[in-house]
């Protein structure tokens, strides 16, 4: 009853916006669970206003121009899954073995303290996070037992701040207008950036 009384005082268009927003959230959650399926079709619940439907295309980045991306997706605010976008990145060749597993021997050359989140522990509205020696994190990951061990996730590591001379990837042409990164590049005295590395065992997030 309290909820009903509150909604009576809210303009109809605001209520419709809230309902649509919730509908989109339902779509997004289902999309994330089916992301590896290729073309994803998502239907929200059948409510008023009419349910939201969207199809997410999968496109080969090597065969798509920036104009195509801008006109058909970015400008229209349409989602798209880009494939083959980092095949030539050094990190794809050096950080991963031919079998597709982490190249722990190669990664161990990087000496740094890294932020590590504990996936099953909450702190306010996020995961509890602590600093950890990168070598220790690699040792943990290499011998990780999902039944016995705590689930850890290396999160928000400022790799490029720690190793400014290392080029491990190239920004794809579709995202080259990196105004946040450009701001910090222009102001090195701030000693910050918006370029992060994330990694961890299966099931971490």
Protein backbone atom coordinates (compact mmCIF):
# COMPACT_ATOMS: atom_id res chain seq x y z
CA UNK A 1 0.00 0.00 0.00
CA UNK A 2 2.82 2.38 0.79
CA UNK A 3 4.37 1.71 -2.59
CA UNK A 4 1.00 2.38 -4.26
CA UNK A 5 0.57 5.68 -2.48
CA UNK A 6 4.05 6.83 -3.48
CA UNK A 7 3.57 5.90 -7.14
CA UNK A 8 0.31 7.82 -7.27
CA UNK A 9 2.28 11.02 -6.73
CA UNK A 10 4.81 10.25 -9.48
CA UNK A 11 4.06 11.42 -13.06
CA UNK A 12 3.12 8.60 -15.43
CA UNK A 13 6.06 9.21 -17.76
CA UNK A 14 8.52 8.73 -14.88
CA UNK A 15 6.87 5.43 -13.93
CA UNK A 16 7.15 4.30 -17.56
CA UNK A 17 10.82 5.23 -17.64
CA UNK A 18 11.46 3.23 -14.46
CA UNK A 19 9.65 0.20 -15.87
CA UNK A 20 11.60 0.41 -19.11
CA UNK A 21 14.86 0.72 -17.16
CA UNK A 22 14.06 -2.45 -15.20
CA UNK A 23 13.18 -4.20 -18.44
CA UNK A 24 16.56 -3.29 -19.93
CA UNK A 25 18.30 -4.63 -16.82
CA UNK A 26 16.56 -7.98 -17.29
CA UNK A 27 17.71 -8.00 -20.92
CA UNK A 28 21.28 -7.18 -19.93
CA UNK A 29 21.49 -9.94 -17.31
CA UNK A 30 20.25 -12.53 -19.78
CA UNK A 31 22.61 -11.18 -22.42
CA UNK A 32 25.62 -11.65 -20.14
CA UNK A 33 24.68 -15.28 -19.52
CA UNK A 34 24.48 -15.96 -23.27
CA UNK A 35 27.36 -13.80 -24.46
CA UNK A 36 29.31 -16.67 -25.98
CA UNK A 37 26.44 -17.79 -28.19
CA UNK A 38 27.19 -15.39 -31.07
CA UNK A 39 24.07 -13.50 -32.11
CA UNK A 40 21.98 -13.03 -28.98
CA UNK A 41 18.26 -12.47 -28.96
CA UNK A 42 16.81 -11.13 -25.75
CA UNK A 43 13.21 -10.56 -24.69
CA UNK A 44 12.23 -8.78 -21.53
CA UNK A 45 9.08 -9.56 -19.52
CA UNK A 46 5.73 -8.89 -21.20
CA UNK A 47 4.72 -5.71 -19.39
CA UNK A 48 3.38 -2.29 -20.30
CA UNK A 49 5.15 -0.53 -22.04
CA UNK A 50 5.85 -3.29 -24.63
CA UNK A 51 8.76 -5.52 -23.85
CA UNK A 52 12.25 -4.67 -25.03
CA UNK A 53 13.82 -6.80 -27.76
CA UNK A 54 17.36 -6.51 -29.03
CA UNK A 55 19.74 -8.48 -31.20
CA UNK A 56 23.47 -8.19 -30.62
CA UNK A 57 25.54 -8.78 -33.73
CA UNK A 58 29.01 -10.31 -33.77
CA UNK A 59 31.35 -8.58 -36.24
CA UNK A 60 34.91 -9.29 -37.33
CA UNK A 61 36.92 -6.19 -36.36
CA UNK A 62 39.45 -6.89 -39.11
CA UNK A 63 36.72 -6.49 -41.74
CA UNK A 64 34.92 -3.48 -40.29
CA UNK A 65 35.81 0.16 -40.92
CA UNK A 66 35.59 2.89 -38.32
CA UNK A 67 32.83 4.56 -40.37
CA UNK A 68 30.80 1.35 -40.25
CA UNK A 69 31.28 1.11 -36.48
CA UNK A 70 30.48 4.77 -35.89
CA UNK A 71 27.41 5.04 -38.13
CA UNK A 72 25.82 1.68 -37.43
CA UNK A 73 26.62 1.16 -33.75
CA UNK A 74 28.21 4.04 -31.84
CA UNK A 75 26.03 6.85 -33.15
CA UNK A 76 22.86 4.76 -32.93
CA UNK A 77 23.82 3.44 -29.47
CA UNK A 78 23.58 -0.19 -30.67
CA UNK A 79 25.68 -2.90 -28.96
CA UNK A 80 28.02 -5.08 -31.00
CA UNK A 81 30.48 -7.88 -30.20
CA UNK A 82 33.83 -7.33 -31.92
CA UNK A 83 35.96 -10.39 -32.68
CA UNK A 84 39.60 -10.70 -33.80
CA UNK A 85 40.36 -7.38 -32.18
CA UNK A 86 43.61 -8.25 -30.43
CA UNK A 87 45.13 -11.19 -32.25
CA UNK A 88 48.38 -9.28 -32.87
CA UNK A 89 48.73 -7.79 -29.40
CA UNK A 90 51.98 -8.77 -27.64
CA UNK A 91 50.03 -9.80 -24.54
CA UNK A 92 48.05 -12.34 -26.60
CA UNK A 93 51.29 -13.88 -27.83
CA UNK A 94 53.46 -13.58 -24.72
CA UNK A 95 51.11 -13.71 -21.74
CA UNK A 96 49.31 -16.84 -22.95
CA UNK A 97 50.72 -20.21 -23.97
CA UNK A 98 49.82 -21.87 -27.31
CA UNK A 99 47.43 -24.06 -25.30
CA UNK A 100 45.55 -20.96 -24.12
CA UNK A 101 46.69 -21.07 -20.48
CA UNK A 102 48.47 -18.24 -18.62
CA UNK A 103 52.20 -18.10 -19.33
CA UNK A 104 53.25 -17.93 -15.69
CA UNK A 105 56.97 -18.09 -16.50
CA UNK A 106 56.76 -15.02 -18.73
CA UNK A 107 54.48 -13.07 -16.41
CA UNK A 108 56.77 -13.63 -13.45
CA UNK A 109 59.23 -11.07 -14.87
CA UNK A 110 56.93 -8.24 -13.77
CA UNK A 111 57.84 -7.22 -10.24
CA UNK A 112 55.03 -5.17 -8.68
CA UNK A 113 52.46 -4.90 -5.94
CA UNK A 114 48.99 -5.44 -7.38
CA UNK A 115 45.41 -4.90 -6.12
CA UNK A 116 43.66 -8.22 -5.53
CA UNK A 117 39.95 -8.61 -4.78
CA UNK A 118 38.48 -11.37 -2.66
CA UNK A 119 35.51 -12.46 -4.73
CA UNK A 120 33.47 -13.86 -1.85
CA UNK A 121 34.01 -11.00 0.60
CA UNK A 122 32.07 -7.75 0.44
CA UNK A 123 33.22 -4.37 1.65
CA UNK A 124 30.46 -1.78 1.39
CA UNK A 125 29.16 -2.14 -2.19
CA UNK A 126 32.27 -3.81 -3.65
CA UNK A 127 34.66 -6.66 -3.02
CA UNK A 128 37.24 -6.51 -0.27
CA UNK A 129 40.58 -5.66 -1.86
CA UNK A 130 44.18 -5.86 -0.67
CA UNK A 131 47.62 -5.35 -2.19
CA UNK A 132 49.61 -8.45 -3.03
CA UNK A 133 52.98 -9.20 -4.60
CA UNK A 134 52.35 -10.13 -8.24
CA UNK A 135 54.63 -13.16 -7.94
CA UNK A 136 52.60 -14.42 -4.99
CA UNK A 137 49.39 -13.95 -6.97
CA UNK A 138 50.84 -15.97 -9.87
CA UNK A 139 51.87 -18.76 -7.48
CA UNK A 140 48.35 -18.78 -6.04
CA UNK A 141 46.78 -18.87 -9.51
CA UNK A 142 49.13 -21.59 -10.77
CA UNK A 143 48.13 -23.93 -7.92
CA UNK A 144 44.55 -22.73 -7.51
CA UNK A 145 42.08 -25.29 -6.17
CA UNK A 146 38.47 -24.04 -6.51
CA UNK A 147 37.35 -26.29 -3.67
CA UNK A 148 40.04 -25.49 -1.11
CA UNK A 149 41.27 -22.01 -2.04
CA UNK A 150 39.76 -18.58 -1.70
CA UNK A 151 38.72 -17.07 -5.03
CA UNK A 152 40.96 -14.09 -5.84
CA UNK A 153 40.85 -11.67 -8.77
CA UNK A 154 43.56 -9.22 -9.81
CA UNK A 155 41.53 -6.09 -10.43
CA UNK A 156 42.31 -2.51 -11.55
CA UNK A 157 46.07 -2.98 -11.86
CA UNK A 158 47.70 0.17 -13.29
CA UNK A 159 50.11 -1.93 -15.32
CA UNK A 160 51.13 0.90 -17.65
CA UNK A 161 51.86 3.18 -14.73
CA UNK A 162 54.17 0.52 -13.27
CA UNK A 163 55.77 -0.38 -16.64
CA UNK A 164 55.50 2.66 -18.92
CA UNK A 165 58.01 1.25 -21.42
CA UNK A 166 56.05 -1.94 -22.01
CA UNK A 167 53.68 -1.98 -24.99
CA UNK A 168 51.42 -4.99 -24.52
CA UNK A 169 48.46 -3.89 -26.64
CA UNK A 170 47.35 -1.24 -29.11
CA UNK A 171 44.11 0.65 -28.67
CA UNK A 172 41.72 -0.48 -31.44
CA UNK A 173 40.80 2.18 -33.96
CA UNK A 174 37.19 2.05 -32.77
CA UNK A 175 38.20 3.33 -29.32
CA UNK A 176 41.17 5.51 -30.22
CA UNK A 177 39.44 8.65 -28.93
CA UNK A 178 40.38 7.85 -25.34
CA UNK A 179 39.74 11.24 -23.73
CA UNK A 180 40.28 9.94 -20.18
CA UNK A 181 43.64 8.42 -21.08
CA UNK A 182 44.63 11.48 -23.09
CA UNK A 183 43.97 13.74 -20.10
CA UNK A 184 46.42 11.84 -17.91
CA UNK A 185 48.94 11.56 -20.76
CA UNK A 186 48.88 15.35 -20.98
CA UNK A 187 49.31 15.71 -17.20
CA UNK A 188 51.98 13.21 -16.10
CA UNK A 189 52.31 15.05 -12.79
CA UNK A 190 48.98 13.47 -11.78
CA UNK A 191 50.62 10.03 -11.90
CA UNK A 192 47.39 8.28 -12.82
CA UNK A 193 45.65 6.68 -15.79
CA UNK A 194 42.55 4.81 -16.88
CA UNK A 195 44.34 1.76 -18.29
CA UNK A 196 43.92 -1.38 -16.24
CA UNK A 197 44.79 -5.08 -16.29
CA UNK A 198 42.41 -7.74 -14.96
CA UNK A 199 43.20 -11.44 -14.53
CA UNK A 200 42.33 -14.40 -12.39
CA UNK A 201 41.30 -18.07 -12.31
CA UNK A 202 38.07 -19.38 -13.76
CA UNK A 203 35.10 -18.23 -11.70
CA UNK A 204 36.75 -15.03 -10.45
CA UNK A 205 35.24 -11.65 -11.24
